[in-house]
Amino acid sequence: MLMAVVAVGLAVATAAIVVRRAPARVLRVCADPNNLPFSDQKGRGFENEIAELLADRMDARLEYTWFAQRRGFVRNTLRADRCDVIIGVPSSFELALVTRPYYRSSYVFVTRQGGPDIESFDDPDLRRLRVGVHLVGDDYTNTPPAHALAARGVISNVRGYTLYGDYREPHPPSRILDALLADEIDVAIIWGPLAGWYAATNRVSLKIEPVRPQIDLPFLPMVFDISMGVRRTDLSFRDELDRIIEENRPAIDRILEKYGVPRLTP
């Protein structure tokens, strides 16, 4: 009798092993290895968690191609056929075929608790405060907030912090917020998801306010819809991702909420 029970148990275990075999499909994701709160090589970003959700819904094994998100990222990842999807790109992104948006966020004013209340680029306090903005790339290209300030003649009191930073350090883009807490600047104007995550992770009280206007004249958007990006020829894959996004919006929203991502109503 005991042998029979053991045999049945082995048969059930064997069947379970067969059922739980590794998925034959592979979801290849293009991602930055050191760019929290979006992604990192340890899988700690919200784009990592969204990629895991996609892989689960597709019954696929998740694989990453790691490459710093700077100039040449798309060329060396998606277009080189080393991976198949970028989890977060602007919905107006011209280098890929984009899905429907899965969140909308904004640049934000960030100040310390007890610090100045800034709600608009036209606030006169921005002319006297120490203002921090991100600069992009080795050529220090200006971000939209830097352009908005320059258009108003707010230049001499603005300090630039490279968005890429030193990749030997963890999550380089947050250096600007380290400077805010160290009282090196009075206000930081940065992309909202970075601010929300930093405040939640470091357990510090920061005032975070979406910038105004949302679109600065003549046409300088501060608010962006965020989608996923695939190769322009991958129409069926894009459509599959659209379906998964639509069917799993509550789960995606919970991930974004977990990371403190400020979201605006589309």
C-alpha atoms as a PDB file:
ATOM      1  CA  MET A   1       0.000   0.000   0.000  1.00  0.00           C
ATOM      2  CA  LEU A   2       2.812   2.400   0.927  1.00  0.00           C
ATOM      3  CA  MET A   3       4.566   1.715  -2.365  1.00  0.00           C
ATOM      4  CA  ALA A   4       1.370   2.480  -4.238  1.00  0.00           C
ATOM      5  CA  VAL A   5       0.957   5.799  -2.417  1.00  0.00           C
ATOM      6  CA  VAL A   6       4.572   6.704  -3.143  1.00  0.00           C
ATOM      7  CA  ALA A   7       4.135   5.800  -6.796  1.00  0.00           C
ATOM      8  CA  VAL A   8       1.030   7.961  -7.067  1.00  0.00           C
ATOM      9  CA  GLY A   9       2.873  10.822  -5.374  1.00  0.00           C
ATOM     10  CA  LEU A  10       5.764  10.532  -7.815  1.00  0.00           C
ATOM     11  CA  ALA A  11       3.372  10.510 -10.732  1.00  0.00           C
ATOM     12  CA  VAL A  12       1.639  13.663  -9.468  1.00  0.00           C
ATOM     13  CA  ALA A  13       4.990  15.393  -8.880  1.00  0.00           C
ATOM     14  CA  THR A  14       6.156  14.430 -12.363  1.00  0.00           C
ATOM     15  CA  ALA A  15       2.954  15.781 -13.853  1.00  0.00           C
ATOM     16  CA  ALA A  16       3.419  19.014 -11.926  1.00  0.00           C
ATOM     17  CA  ILE A  17       6.933  19.360 -13.277  1.00  0.00           C
ATOM     18  CA  VAL A  18       5.632  18.931 -16.802  1.00  0.00           C
ATOM     19  CA  VAL A  19       2.911  21.538 -16.254  1.00  0.00           C
ATOM     20  CA  ARG A  20       5.438  24.027 -14.830  1.00  0.00           C
ATOM     21  CA  ARG A  21       7.940  23.762 -17.649  1.00  0.00           C
ATOM     22  CA  ALA A  22       9.698  26.946 -18.722  1.00  0.00           C
ATOM     23  CA  PRO A  23       7.676  29.041 -21.174  1.00  0.00           C
ATOM     24  CA  ALA A  24       8.713  28.604 -24.786  1.00  0.00           C
ATOM     25  CA  ARG A  25       8.123  32.280 -25.564  1.00  0.00           C
ATOM     26  CA  VAL A  26      10.639  34.976 -24.603  1.00  0.00           C
ATOM     27  CA  LEU A  27       9.831  38.632 -23.890  1.00  0.00           C
ATOM     28  CA  ARG A  28      12.981  40.609 -24.667  1.00  0.00           C
ATOM     29  CA  VAL A  29      13.017  43.997 -22.960  1.00  0.00           C
ATOM     30  CA  CYS A  30      15.374  46.916 -23.699  1.00  0.00           C
ATOM     31  CA  ALA A  31      16.213  48.630 -20.409  1.00  0.00           C
ATOM     32  CA  ASP A  32      18.636  50.849 -18.535  1.00  0.00           C
ATOM     33  CA  PRO A  33      20.657  48.985 -15.861  1.00  0.00           C
ATOM     34  CA  ASN A  34      20.921  51.961 -13.471  1.00  0.00           C
ATOM     35  CA  ASN A  35      17.965  54.293 -13.796  1.00  0.00           C
ATOM     36  CA  LEU A  36      15.681  54.040 -10.775  1.00  0.00           C
ATOM     37  CA  PRO A  37      12.777  54.432 -10.326  1.00  0.00           C
ATOM     38  CA  PHE A  38      12.295  53.225 -13.901  1.00  0.00           C
ATOM     39  CA  SER A  39      14.610  50.210 -14.156  1.00  0.00           C
ATOM     40  CA  ASP A  40      17.805  48.696 -12.882  1.00  0.00           C
ATOM     41  CA  GLN A  41      19.711  45.467 -13.323  1.00  0.00           C
ATOM     42  CA  LYS A  42      18.378  44.116 -10.020  1.00  0.00           C
ATOM     43  CA  GLY A  43      14.772  44.466 -11.214  1.00  0.00           C
ATOM     44  CA  ARG A  44      13.805  47.147  -8.683  1.00  0.00           C
ATOM     45  CA  GLY A  45      12.128  49.702 -10.965  1.00  0.00           C
ATOM     46  CA  PHE A  46       8.465  50.122 -11.852  1.00  0.00           C
ATOM     47  CA  GLU A  47       9.228  49.415 -15.512  1.00  0.00           C
ATOM     48  CA  ASN A  48      10.817  46.128 -14.369  1.00  0.00           C
ATOM     49  CA  GLU A  49       7.617  45.238 -12.514  1.00  0.00           C
ATOM     50  CA  ILE A  50       5.463  46.151 -15.501  1.00  0.00           C
ATOM     51  CA  ALA A  51       7.712  43.983 -17.695  1.00  0.00           C
ATOM     52  CA  GLU A  52       7.172  41.108 -15.252  1.00  0.00           C
ATOM     53  CA  LEU A  53       3.419  41.626 -15.504  1.00  0.00           C
ATOM     54  CA  LEU A  54       3.602  41.542 -19.307  1.00  0.00           C
ATOM     55  CA  ALA A  55       5.675  38.362 -19.281  1.00  0.00           C
ATOM     56  CA  ASP A  56       3.191  36.699 -16.942  1.00  0.00           C
ATOM     57  CA  ARG A  57       0.202  37.620 -19.107  1.00  0.00           C
ATOM     58  CA  MET A  58       2.036  36.435 -22.221  1.00  0.00           C
ATOM     59  CA  ASP A  59       3.257  33.220 -20.556  1.00  0.00           C
ATOM     60  CA  ALA A  60       6.755  34.238 -21.573  1.00  0.00           C
ATOM     61  CA  ARG A  61      10.228  34.131 -20.075  1.00  0.00           C
ATOM     62  CA  LEU A  62      11.602  37.606 -19.390  1.00  0.00           C
ATOM     63  CA  GLU A  63      15.015  38.594 -20.728  1.00  0.00           C
ATOM     64  CA  TYR A  64      16.747  41.976 -20.698  1.00  0.00           C
ATOM     65  CA  THR A  65      19.181  43.776 -22.945  1.00  0.00           C
ATOM     66  CA  TRP A  66      20.873  46.353 -20.708  1.00  0.00           C
ATOM     67  CA  PHE A  67      22.047  49.614 -22.222  1.00  0.00           C
ATOM     68  CA  ALA A  68      22.270  53.114 -20.746  1.00  0.00           C
ATOM     69  CA  GLN A  69      19.350  55.274 -21.896  1.00  0.00           C
ATOM     70  CA  ARG A  70      21.327  57.972 -23.579  1.00  0.00           C
ATOM     71  CA  ARG A  71      22.099  58.831 -27.175  1.00  0.00           C
ATOM     72  CA  GLY A  72      22.187  55.636 -29.252  1.00  0.00           C
ATOM     73  CA  PHE A  73      19.936  53.630 -26.920  1.00  0.00           C
ATOM     74  CA  VAL A  74      17.292  52.749 -29.519  1.00  0.00           C
ATOM     75  CA  ARG A  75      19.862  52.190 -32.252  1.00  0.00           C
ATOM     76  CA  ASN A  76      21.841  49.743 -30.124  1.00  0.00           C
ATOM     77  CA  THR A  77      18.889  47.860 -28.650  1.00  0.00           C
ATOM     78  CA  LEU A  78      15.523  47.861 -30.410  1.00  0.00           C
ATOM     79  CA  ARG A  79      16.740  48.641 -33.917  1.00  0.00           C
ATOM     80  CA  ALA A  80      19.659  46.224 -33.552  1.00  0.00           C
ATOM     81  CA  ASP A  81      17.100  43.450 -32.861  1.00  0.00           C
ATOM     82  CA  ARG A  82      18.692  42.722 -29.494  1.00  0.00           C
ATOM     83  CA  CYS A  83      15.325  43.200 -27.757  1.00  0.00           C
ATOM     84  CA  ASP A  84      11.696  43.786 -28.686  1.00  0.00           C
ATOM     85  CA  VAL A  85      10.097  46.389 -26.416  1.00  0.00           C
ATOM     86  CA  ILE A  86      11.004  49.514 -24.469  1.00  0.00           C
ATOM     87  CA  ILE A  87       8.659  49.746 -21.490  1.00  0.00           C
ATOM     88  CA  GLY A  88       8.566  53.544 -21.197  1.00  0.00           C
ATOM     89  CA  VAL A  89       8.683  56.048 -24.084  1.00  0.00           C
ATOM     90  CA  PRO A  90       6.739  59.258 -24.782  1.00  0.00           C
ATOM     91  CA  SER A  91       3.599  58.528 -26.791  1.00  0.00           C
ATOM     92  CA  SER A  92       4.907  60.976 -29.423  1.00  0.00           C
ATOM     93  CA  PHE A  93       8.178  59.019 -29.735  1.00  0.00           C
ATOM     94  CA  GLU A  94       9.259  58.955 -33.372  1.00  0.00           C
ATOM     95  CA  LEU A  95      11.876  56.186 -33.181  1.00  0.00           C
ATOM     96  CA  ALA A  96       9.419  53.378 -32.460  1.00  0.00           C
ATOM     97  CA  LEU A  97       5.854  52.197 -32.949  1.00  0.00           C
ATOM     98  CA  VAL A  98       4.086  53.084 -29.704  1.00  0.00           C
ATOM     99  CA  THR A  99       1.264  51.476 -27.776  1.00  0.00           C
ATOM    100  CA  ARG A 100      -1.649  53.280 -26.226  1.00  0.00           C
ATOM    101  CA  PRO A 101      -0.525  55.294 -23.179  1.00  0.00           C
ATOM    102  CA  TYR A 102      -0.563  53.628 -19.771  1.00  0.00           C
ATOM    103  CA  TYR A 103       0.081  56.745 -17.691  1.00  0.00           C
ATOM    104  CA  ARG A 104       0.454  60.517 -17.955  1.00  0.00           C
ATOM    105  CA  SER A 105       2.819  62.514 -15.782  1.00  0.00           C
ATOM    106  CA  SER A 106       4.365  65.954 -15.619  1.00  0.00           C
ATOM    107  CA  TYR A 107       7.452  67.884 -14.747  1.00  0.00           C
ATOM    108  CA  VAL A 108       7.149  69.099 -11.166  1.00  0.00           C
ATOM    109  CA  PHE A 109       8.454  71.763  -8.814  1.00  0.00           C
ATOM    110  CA  VAL A 110      10.083  70.113  -5.793  1.00  0.00           C
ATOM    111  CA  THR A 111      10.915  71.992  -2.597  1.00  0.00           C
ATOM    112  CA  ARG A 112      11.696  71.051   0.990  1.00  0.00           C
ATOM    113  CA  GLN A 113       8.927  71.231   3.574  1.00  0.00           C
ATOM    114  CA  GLY A 114       8.893  74.783   4.853  1.00  0.00           C
ATOM    115  CA  GLY A 115      10.452  75.987   1.633  1.00  0.00           C
ATOM    116  CA  PRO A 116       8.908  78.252  -1.015  1.00  0.00           C
ATOM    117  CA  ASP A 117       5.608  77.389  -2.692  1.00  0.00           C
ATOM    118  CA  ILE A 118       6.212  77.443  -6.433  1.00  0.00           C
ATOM    119  CA  GLU A 119       3.384  76.623  -8.820  1.00  0.00           C
ATOM    120  CA  SER A 120       4.241  78.463 -12.025  1.00  0.00           C
ATOM    121  CA  PHE A 121       7.213  79.345 -14.193  1.00  0.00           C
ATOM    122  CA  ASP A 122       5.971  82.935 -13.899  1.00  0.00           C
ATOM    123  CA  ASP A 123       6.430  82.985 -10.117  1.00  0.00           C
ATOM    124  CA  PRO A 124       8.762  85.963  -9.400  1.00  0.00           C
ATOM    125  CA  ASP A 125      10.514  83.927  -6.656  1.00  0.00           C
ATOM    126  CA  LEU A 126      12.186  81.856  -9.374  1.00  0.00           C
ATOM    127  CA  ARG A 127      14.333  84.895 -10.204  1.00  0.00           C
ATOM    128  CA  ARG A 128      16.014  84.897  -6.793  1.00  0.00           C
ATOM    129  CA  LEU A 129      15.942  81.259  -5.662  1.00  0.00           C
ATOM    130  CA  ARG A 130      18.639  78.709  -6.459  1.00  0.00           C
ATOM    131  CA  VAL A 131      16.937  76.573  -9.104  1.00  0.00           C
ATOM    132  CA  GLY A 132      18.112  73.119 -10.150  1.00  0.00           C
ATOM    133  CA  VAL A 133      17.270  71.548 -13.518  1.00  0.00           C
ATOM    134  CA  HIS A 134      18.406  68.450 -15.352  1.00  0.00           C
ATOM    135  CA  LEU A 135      20.662  68.685 -18.389  1.00  0.00           C
ATOM    136  CA  VAL A 136      20.787  65.868 -20.912  1.00  0.00           C
ATOM    137  CA  GLY A 137      23.847  64.272 -22.487  1.00  0.00           C
ATOM    138  CA  ASP A 138      27.478  65.191 -22.793  1.00  0.00           C
ATOM    139  CA  ASP A 139      26.504  68.311 -24.745  1.00  0.00           C
ATOM    140  CA  TYR A 140      24.254  69.448 -21.879  1.00  0.00           C
ATOM    141  CA  THR A 141      21.100  69.756 -23.959  1.00  0.00           C
ATOM    142  CA  ASN A 142      18.374  71.612 -22.102  1.00  0.00           C
ATOM    143  CA  THR A 143      15.247  69.911 -20.756  1.00  0.00           C
ATOM    144  CA  PRO A 144      11.826  71.627 -21.171  1.00  0.00           C
ATOM    145  CA  PRO A 145      11.995  73.361 -17.737  1.00  0.00           C
ATOM    146  CA  ALA A 146      15.410  74.816 -18.569  1.00  0.00           C
ATOM    147  CA  HIS A 147      14.025  76.209 -21.827  1.00  0.00           C
ATOM    148  CA  ALA A 148      11.013  77.687 -19.989  1.00  0.00           C
ATOM    149  CA  LEU A 149      13.261  79.431 -17.476  1.00  0.00           C
ATOM    150  CA  ALA A 150      15.632  80.741 -20.151  1.00  0.00           C
ATOM    151  CA  ALA A 151      12.698  82.160 -22.108  1.00  0.00           C
ATOM    152  CA  ARG A 152      11.872  84.249 -19.021  1.00  0.00           C
ATOM    153  CA  GLY A 153      15.450  85.389 -18.509  1.00  0.00           C
ATOM    154  CA  VAL A 154      15.944  83.169 -15.449  1.00  0.00           C
ATOM    155  CA  ILE A 155      19.505  82.025 -16.075  1.00  0.00           C
ATOM    156  CA  SER A 156      22.127  83.238 -13.630  1.00  0.00           C
ATOM    157  CA  ASN A 157      20.590  81.506 -10.602  1.00  0.00           C
ATOM    158  CA  VAL A 158      19.970  78.181 -12.381  1.00  0.00           C
ATOM    159  CA  ARG A 159      22.205  75.183 -11.710  1.00  0.00           C
ATOM    160  CA  GLY A 160      22.371  72.234 -14.076  1.00  0.00           C
ATOM    161  CA  TYR A 161      22.663  68.602 -12.997  1.00  0.00           C
ATOM    162  CA  THR A 162      23.387  65.994 -15.629  1.00  0.00           C
ATOM    163  CA  LEU A 163      20.576  63.513 -16.069  1.00  0.00           C
ATOM    164  CA  TYR A 164      23.029  60.691 -16.759  1.00  0.00           C
ATOM    165  CA  GLY A 165      25.585  61.358 -14.058  1.00  0.00           C
ATOM    166  CA  ASP A 166      28.255  58.897 -12.990  1.00  0.00           C
ATOM    167  CA  TYR A 167      27.070  55.354 -13.763  1.00  0.00           C
ATOM    168  CA  ARG A 168      29.397  53.987 -11.104  1.00  0.00           C
ATOM    169  CA  GLU A 169      27.003  55.491  -8.548  1.00  0.00           C
ATOM    170  CA  PRO A 170      23.450  54.235  -7.870  1.00  0.00           C
ATOM    171  CA  HIS A 171      20.581  55.951  -9.738  1.00  0.00           C
ATOM    172  CA  PRO A 172      22.572  58.989 -10.979  1.00  0.00           C
ATOM    173  CA  PRO A 173      19.509  61.146 -11.895  1.00  0.00           C
ATOM    174  CA  SER A 174      18.627  61.598  -8.209  1.00  0.00           C
ATOM    175  CA  ARG A 175      21.756  63.697  -7.600  1.00  0.00           C
ATOM    176  CA  ILE A 176      19.655  66.836  -8.102  1.00  0.00           C
ATOM    177  CA  LEU A 177      17.381  65.826  -5.219  1.00  0.00           C
ATOM    178  CA  ASP A 178      20.366  65.029  -3.016  1.00  0.00           C
ATOM    179  CA  ALA A 179      21.420  68.630  -3.689  1.00  0.00           C
ATOM    180  CA  LEU A 180      17.973  69.886  -2.682  1.00  0.00           C
ATOM    181  CA  LEU A 181      18.122  68.091   0.668  1.00  0.00           C
ATOM    182  CA  ALA A 182      21.691  69.337   1.200  1.00  0.00           C
ATOM    183  CA  ASP A 183      20.432  72.934   0.779  1.00  0.00           C
ATOM    184  CA  GLU A 184      22.567  73.460  -2.327  1.00  0.00           C
ATOM    185  CA  ILE A 185      19.443  74.528  -4.226  1.00  0.00           C
ATOM    186  CA  ASP A 186      16.012  75.808  -3.157  1.00  0.00           C
ATOM    187  CA  VAL A 187      13.842  74.201  -5.819  1.00  0.00           C
ATOM    188  CA  ALA A 188      14.312  71.361  -8.307  1.00  0.00           C
ATOM    189  CA  ILE A 189      12.271  71.162 -11.502  1.00  0.00           C
ATOM    190  CA  ILE A 190      12.320  67.544 -12.652  1.00  0.00           C
ATOM    191  CA  TRP A 191      10.277  64.741 -14.207  1.00  0.00           C
ATOM    192  CA  GLY A 192       7.533  63.734 -11.762  1.00  0.00           C
ATOM    193  CA  PRO A 193       8.174  59.973 -11.375  1.00  0.00           C
ATOM    194  CA  LEU A 194      11.718  60.621 -10.139  1.00  0.00           C
ATOM    195  CA  ALA A 195      10.457  63.087  -7.519  1.00  0.00           C
ATOM    196  CA  GLY A 196       7.650  60.842  -6.270  1.00  0.00           C
ATOM    197  CA  TRP A 197       9.894  57.810  -5.932  1.00  0.00           C
ATOM    198  CA  TYR A 198      12.675  59.747  -4.208  1.00  0.00           C
ATOM    199  CA  ALA A 199      10.303  61.186  -1.612  1.00  0.00           C
ATOM    200  CA  ALA A 200       8.794  57.768  -0.862  1.00  0.00           C
ATOM    201  CA  THR A 201      12.089  55.871  -0.812  1.00  0.00           C
ATOM    202  CA  ASN A 202      14.049  58.324   1.314  1.00  0.00           C
ATOM    203  CA  ARG A 203      11.166  58.978   3.709  1.00  0.00           C
ATOM    204  CA  VAL A 204      11.610  62.712   3.433  1.00  0.00           C
ATOM    205  CA  SER A 205       8.885  65.319   3.288  1.00  0.00           C
ATOM    206  CA  LEU A 206       9.021  67.112  -0.022  1.00  0.00           C
ATOM    207  CA  LYS A 207       6.490  69.401  -1.627  1.00  0.00           C
ATOM    208  CA  ILE A 208       5.799  68.206  -5.162  1.00  0.00           C
ATOM    209  CA  GLU A 209       3.695  70.388  -7.439  1.00  0.00           C
ATOM    210  CA  PRO A 210       3.032  69.876 -11.181  1.00  0.00           C
ATOM    211  CA  VAL A 211       4.456  72.765 -13.174  1.00  0.00           C
ATOM    212  CA  ARG A 212       2.288  75.371 -14.837  1.00  0.00           C
ATOM    213  CA  PRO A 213       1.597  76.005 -17.600  1.00  0.00           C
ATOM    214  CA  GLN A 214       1.398  72.424 -18.788  1.00  0.00           C
ATOM    215  CA  ILE A 215       2.304  73.616 -22.281  1.00  0.00           C
ATOM    216  CA  ASP A 216       4.558  76.647 -22.362  1.00  0.00           C
ATOM    217  CA  LEU A 217       4.468  78.961 -25.353  1.00  0.00           C
ATOM    218  CA  PRO A 218       5.004  78.738 -28.224  1.00  0.00           C
ATOM    219  CA  PHE A 219       4.884  74.939 -27.871  1.00  0.00           C
ATOM    220  CA  LEU A 220       6.880  73.421 -25.055  1.00  0.00           C
ATOM    221  CA  PRO A 221       5.029  70.542 -23.349  1.00  0.00           C
ATOM    222  CA  MET A 222       5.664  69.764 -19.676  1.00  0.00           C
ATOM    223  CA  VAL A 223       3.132  66.906 -19.565  1.00  0.00           C
ATOM    224  CA  PHE A 224       3.678  63.628 -21.406  1.00  0.00           C
ATOM    225  CA  ASP A 225       1.685  60.481 -22.045  1.00  0.00           C
ATOM    226  CA  ILE A 226       3.884  57.404 -21.638  1.00  0.00           C
ATOM    227  CA  SER A 227       3.582  54.298 -23.811  1.00  0.00           C
ATOM    228  CA  MET A 228       5.613  51.227 -24.703  1.00  0.00           C
ATOM    229  CA  GLY A 229       7.681  51.194 -27.883  1.00  0.00           C
ATOM    230  CA  VAL A 230       8.304  48.372 -30.370  1.00  0.00           C
ATOM    231  CA  ARG A 231       9.823  48.202 -33.845  1.00  0.00           C
ATOM    232  CA  ARG A 232       7.718  49.940 -36.479  1.00  0.00           C
ATOM    233  CA  THR A 233       7.140  46.656 -38.302  1.00  0.00           C
ATOM    234  CA  ASP A 234       5.833  44.826 -35.209  1.00  0.00           C
ATOM    235  CA  LEU A 235       2.177  45.753 -35.635  1.00  0.00           C
ATOM    236  CA  SER A 236       0.735  42.527 -34.220  1.00  0.00           C
ATOM    237  CA  PHE A 237       3.017  42.704 -31.173  1.00  0.00           C
ATOM    238  CA  ARG A 238       1.968  46.329 -30.597  1.00  0.00           C
ATOM    239  CA  ASP A 239      -1.676  45.273 -30.785  1.00  0.00           C
ATOM    240  CA  GLU A 240      -1.068  42.476 -28.284  1.00  0.00           C
ATOM    241  CA  LEU A 241       0.560  44.922 -25.866  1.00  0.00           C
ATOM    242  CA  ASP A 242      -2.376  47.312 -26.306  1.00  0.00           C
ATOM    243  CA  ARG A 243      -4.748  44.541 -25.284  1.00  0.00           C
ATOM    244  CA  ILE A 244      -2.669  43.596 -22.239  1.00  0.00           C
ATOM    245  CA  ILE A 245      -2.420  47.243 -21.151  1.00  0.00           C
ATOM    246  CA  GLU A 246      -6.156  47.737 -21.424  1.00  0.00           C
ATOM    247  CA  GLU A 247      -6.983  44.511 -19.582  1.00  0.00           C
ATOM    248  CA  ASN A 248      -4.503  45.171 -16.785  1.00  0.00           C
ATOM    249  CA  ARG A 249      -4.822  48.890 -16.099  1.00  0.00           C
ATOM    250  CA  PRO A 250      -5.697  48.389 -12.402  1.00  0.00           C
ATOM    251  CA  ALA A 251      -2.580  46.225 -11.896  1.00  0.00           C
ATOM    252  CA  ILE A 252      -0.387  48.741 -13.735  1.00  0.00           C
ATOM    253  CA  ASP A 253      -1.882  51.588 -11.675  1.00  0.00           C
ATOM    254  CA  ARG A 254      -1.024  49.723  -8.462  1.00  0.00           C
ATOM    255  CA  ILE A 255       2.604  49.411  -9.566  1.00  0.00           C
ATOM    256  CA  LEU A 256       2.789  53.125 -10.379  1.00  0.00           C
ATOM    257  CA  GLU A 257       1.168  53.987  -7.050  1.00  0.00           C
ATOM    258  CA  LYS A 258       3.679  51.821  -5.214  1.00  0.00           C
ATOM    259  CA  TYR A 259       6.513  53.905  -6.663  1.00  0.00           C
ATOM    260  CA  GLY A 260       4.825  57.246  -5.971  1.00  0.00           C
ATOM    261  CA  VAL A 261       4.483  58.189  -9.644  1.00  0.00           C
ATOM    262  CA  PRO A 262       2.490  61.458  -9.937  1.00  0.00           C
ATOM    263  CA  ARG A 263      -0.209  60.914 -12.522  1.00  0.00           C
ATOM    264  CA  LEU A 264      -2.515  63.312 -14.333  1.00  0.00           C
ATOM    265  CA  THR A 265      -5.882  62.511 -15.854  1.00  0.00           C
ATOM    266  CA  PRO A 266      -5.557  62.009 -19.628  1.00  0.00           C
END
